N, C-alpha and C. Protein backbone atom coordinates (compact mmCIF):
# COMPACT_ATOMS: atom_id res chain seq x y z
N UNK A 1 72.73 51.57 44.62
CA UNK A 1 71.80 51.76 45.69
C UNK A 1 70.38 51.82 45.11
N UNK A 2 69.45 51.16 45.79
CA UNK A 2 68.06 51.16 45.36
C UNK A 2 67.34 52.39 45.89
N UNK A 3 66.46 52.93 45.08
CA UNK A 3 65.65 54.04 45.55
C UNK A 3 64.24 53.54 45.81
N UNK A 4 63.60 54.13 46.77
CA UNK A 4 62.24 53.75 47.12
C UNK A 4 61.29 54.75 46.48
N UNK A 5 60.33 54.22 45.74
CA UNK A 5 59.33 55.08 45.11
C UNK A 5 58.17 55.23 46.09
N UNK A 6 58.22 56.26 46.91
CA UNK A 6 57.20 56.50 47.91
C UNK A 6 56.01 57.19 47.26
N UNK A 7 54.84 56.60 47.44
CA UNK A 7 53.62 57.19 46.90
C UNK A 7 52.80 57.79 48.03
N UNK A 8 52.17 58.90 47.73
CA UNK A 8 51.30 59.53 48.72
C UNK A 8 50.02 58.70 48.85
N UNK A 9 49.24 58.96 49.89
CA UNK A 9 47.97 58.27 50.07
C UNK A 9 47.05 58.50 48.88
N UNK A 10 47.04 59.71 48.36
CA UNK A 10 46.20 60.04 47.20
C UNK A 10 46.64 59.25 45.97
N UNK A 11 47.94 59.11 45.75
CA UNK A 11 48.42 58.34 44.60
C UNK A 11 48.04 56.87 44.73
N UNK A 12 48.16 56.33 45.93
CA UNK A 12 47.78 54.93 46.15
C UNK A 12 46.29 54.75 45.91
N UNK A 13 45.48 55.68 46.41
CA UNK A 13 44.04 55.62 46.23
C UNK A 13 43.68 55.65 44.74
N UNK A 14 44.28 56.59 44.01
CA UNK A 14 44.00 56.72 42.58
C UNK A 14 44.42 55.47 41.81
N UNK A 15 45.56 54.90 42.14
CA UNK A 15 46.03 53.68 41.49
C UNK A 15 45.08 52.53 41.81
N UNK A 16 44.65 52.43 43.06
CA UNK A 16 43.72 51.37 43.46
C UNK A 16 42.41 51.47 42.71
N UNK A 17 41.88 52.67 42.59
CA UNK A 17 40.63 52.88 41.85
C UNK A 17 40.81 52.46 40.40
N UNK A 18 41.92 52.85 39.80
CA UNK A 18 42.18 52.50 38.40
C UNK A 18 42.27 50.99 38.21
N UNK A 19 42.98 50.31 39.10
CA UNK A 19 43.14 48.86 39.00
C UNK A 19 41.80 48.16 39.18
N UNK A 20 41.01 48.61 40.15
CA UNK A 20 39.69 48.03 40.35
C UNK A 20 38.82 48.19 39.11
N UNK A 21 38.82 49.38 38.55
CA UNK A 21 38.01 49.65 37.36
C UNK A 21 38.45 48.77 36.19
N UNK A 22 39.75 48.66 36.00
CA UNK A 22 40.27 47.85 34.90
C UNK A 22 39.96 46.37 35.12
N UNK A 23 40.08 45.91 36.35
CA UNK A 23 39.88 44.50 36.63
C UNK A 23 38.43 44.08 36.70
N UNK A 24 37.55 44.96 37.16
CA UNK A 24 36.15 44.59 37.37
C UNK A 24 35.22 45.10 36.28
N UNK A 25 35.66 46.05 35.50
CA UNK A 25 34.77 46.68 34.54
C UNK A 25 33.88 47.70 35.26
N UNK A 26 33.11 48.44 34.48
CA UNK A 26 32.32 49.54 35.05
C UNK A 26 31.30 49.06 36.07
N UNK A 27 30.49 48.06 35.71
CA UNK A 27 29.42 47.64 36.62
C UNK A 27 29.99 46.95 37.86
N UNK A 28 31.02 46.13 37.69
CA UNK A 28 31.65 45.47 38.84
C UNK A 28 32.30 46.48 39.77
N UNK A 29 32.92 47.49 39.17
CA UNK A 29 33.56 48.54 39.97
C UNK A 29 32.51 49.28 40.80
N UNK A 30 31.39 49.63 40.19
CA UNK A 30 30.33 50.34 40.91
C UNK A 30 29.78 49.48 42.04
N UNK A 31 29.55 48.20 41.76
CA UNK A 31 29.02 47.31 42.80
C UNK A 31 30.00 47.19 43.97
N UNK A 32 31.28 47.10 43.66
CA UNK A 32 32.29 47.01 44.71
C UNK A 32 32.31 48.27 45.57
N UNK A 33 32.32 49.42 44.93
CA UNK A 33 32.37 50.69 45.65
C UNK A 33 31.13 50.85 46.52
N UNK A 34 29.96 50.41 46.04
CA UNK A 34 28.74 50.50 46.83
C UNK A 34 28.84 49.66 48.11
N UNK A 35 29.56 48.57 48.07
CA UNK A 35 29.74 47.73 49.25
C UNK A 35 30.61 48.42 50.30
N UNK A 36 31.40 49.38 49.91
CA UNK A 36 32.31 50.05 50.82
C UNK A 36 31.65 51.22 51.53
N UNK A 37 30.35 51.47 51.25
CA UNK A 37 29.64 52.56 51.90
C UNK A 37 29.61 52.32 53.41
N UNK A 38 30.05 53.29 54.17
CA UNK A 38 30.12 53.15 55.61
C UNK A 38 28.79 53.43 56.29
N UNK A 39 27.80 53.81 55.52
CA UNK A 39 26.50 54.09 56.11
C UNK A 39 26.51 55.39 56.90
N UNK A 40 25.56 55.50 57.79
CA UNK A 40 25.46 56.72 58.58
C UNK A 40 24.99 56.35 59.98
N UNK A 41 25.20 57.25 60.88
CA UNK A 41 24.77 57.01 62.25
C UNK A 41 25.78 56.19 63.04
N UNK A 42 25.37 55.81 64.23
CA UNK A 42 26.22 55.03 65.11
C UNK A 42 25.48 53.76 65.47
N UNK A 43 25.88 52.65 64.87
CA UNK A 43 25.17 51.38 65.06
C UNK A 43 25.12 50.96 66.52
N UNK A 44 26.20 51.15 67.25
CA UNK A 44 26.25 50.72 68.65
C UNK A 44 25.23 51.50 69.47
N UNK A 45 25.20 52.81 69.30
CA UNK A 45 24.24 53.63 70.05
C UNK A 45 22.81 53.28 69.66
N UNK A 46 22.56 53.12 68.36
CA UNK A 46 21.22 52.76 67.89
C UNK A 46 20.77 51.43 68.47
N UNK A 47 21.65 50.44 68.44
CA UNK A 47 21.32 49.11 68.96
C UNK A 47 21.04 49.16 70.45
N UNK A 48 21.87 49.88 71.17
CA UNK A 48 21.65 50.00 72.62
C UNK A 48 20.32 50.66 72.93
N UNK A 49 19.94 51.62 72.12
CA UNK A 49 18.68 52.33 72.35
C UNK A 49 17.48 51.41 72.15
N UNK A 50 17.44 50.66 71.05
CA UNK A 50 16.26 49.82 70.83
C UNK A 50 16.28 48.56 71.67
N UNK A 51 17.43 48.21 72.24
CA UNK A 51 17.50 47.02 73.09
C UNK A 51 17.26 47.32 74.57
N UNK A 52 17.10 48.58 74.93
CA UNK A 52 16.90 48.94 76.33
C UNK A 52 15.67 48.25 76.93
N UNK A 53 14.65 48.04 76.11
CA UNK A 53 13.42 47.45 76.61
C UNK A 53 13.54 45.95 76.87
N UNK A 54 14.60 45.34 76.42
CA UNK A 54 14.75 43.89 76.54
C UNK A 54 15.61 43.50 77.74
N UNK A 55 15.18 42.46 78.39
CA UNK A 55 15.99 41.83 79.43
C UNK A 55 15.98 40.34 79.10
N UNK A 56 16.81 39.59 79.75
CA UNK A 56 16.85 38.14 79.50
C UNK A 56 15.48 37.54 79.82
N UNK A 57 14.88 37.97 80.92
CA UNK A 57 13.57 37.45 81.30
C UNK A 57 12.51 37.79 80.26
N UNK A 58 12.53 39.01 79.74
CA UNK A 58 11.55 39.43 78.73
C UNK A 58 11.72 38.62 77.44
N UNK A 59 12.95 38.37 77.05
CA UNK A 59 13.21 37.59 75.84
C UNK A 59 12.75 36.15 76.03
N UNK A 60 13.05 35.56 77.18
CA UNK A 60 12.61 34.19 77.44
C UNK A 60 11.10 34.09 77.48
N UNK A 61 10.43 35.06 78.08
CA UNK A 61 8.98 35.07 78.13
C UNK A 61 8.39 35.17 76.73
N UNK A 62 8.98 36.01 75.91
CA UNK A 62 8.52 36.15 74.53
C UNK A 62 8.69 34.84 73.76
N UNK A 63 9.82 34.18 73.97
CA UNK A 63 10.05 32.89 73.31
C UNK A 63 9.05 31.84 73.78
N UNK A 64 8.77 31.82 75.06
CA UNK A 64 7.82 30.84 75.61
C UNK A 64 6.41 31.10 75.10
N UNK A 65 6.04 32.34 74.86
CA UNK A 65 4.70 32.69 74.40
C UNK A 65 4.55 32.60 72.88
N UNK A 66 5.63 32.44 72.19
CA UNK A 66 5.60 32.38 70.73
C UNK A 66 5.10 31.00 70.29
N UNK A 67 3.97 30.98 69.62
CA UNK A 67 3.37 29.71 69.22
C UNK A 67 4.19 29.01 68.13
N UNK A 68 5.04 29.74 67.45
CA UNK A 68 5.87 29.10 66.41
C UNK A 68 6.87 28.14 67.01
N UNK A 69 7.26 28.38 68.27
CA UNK A 69 8.26 27.52 68.91
C UNK A 69 7.64 26.31 69.63
N UNK A 70 6.33 26.27 69.71
CA UNK A 70 5.67 25.19 70.44
C UNK A 70 5.29 24.07 69.51
């Protein structure tokens, strides 16, 4: 009968970190981990807040008045 080697989430995380470090080296590992930063705040709420002033008509008017597009 086969036995299953069940690993905890912490064990999987630690193994993953070790494999990444071994495979990428120190600087590659750091660069990869920096990409996984989830940031802060709520992007959806922030976007909705700064977009409240815009309507389709306002955007079209801005595009029509933009001399770069003419």
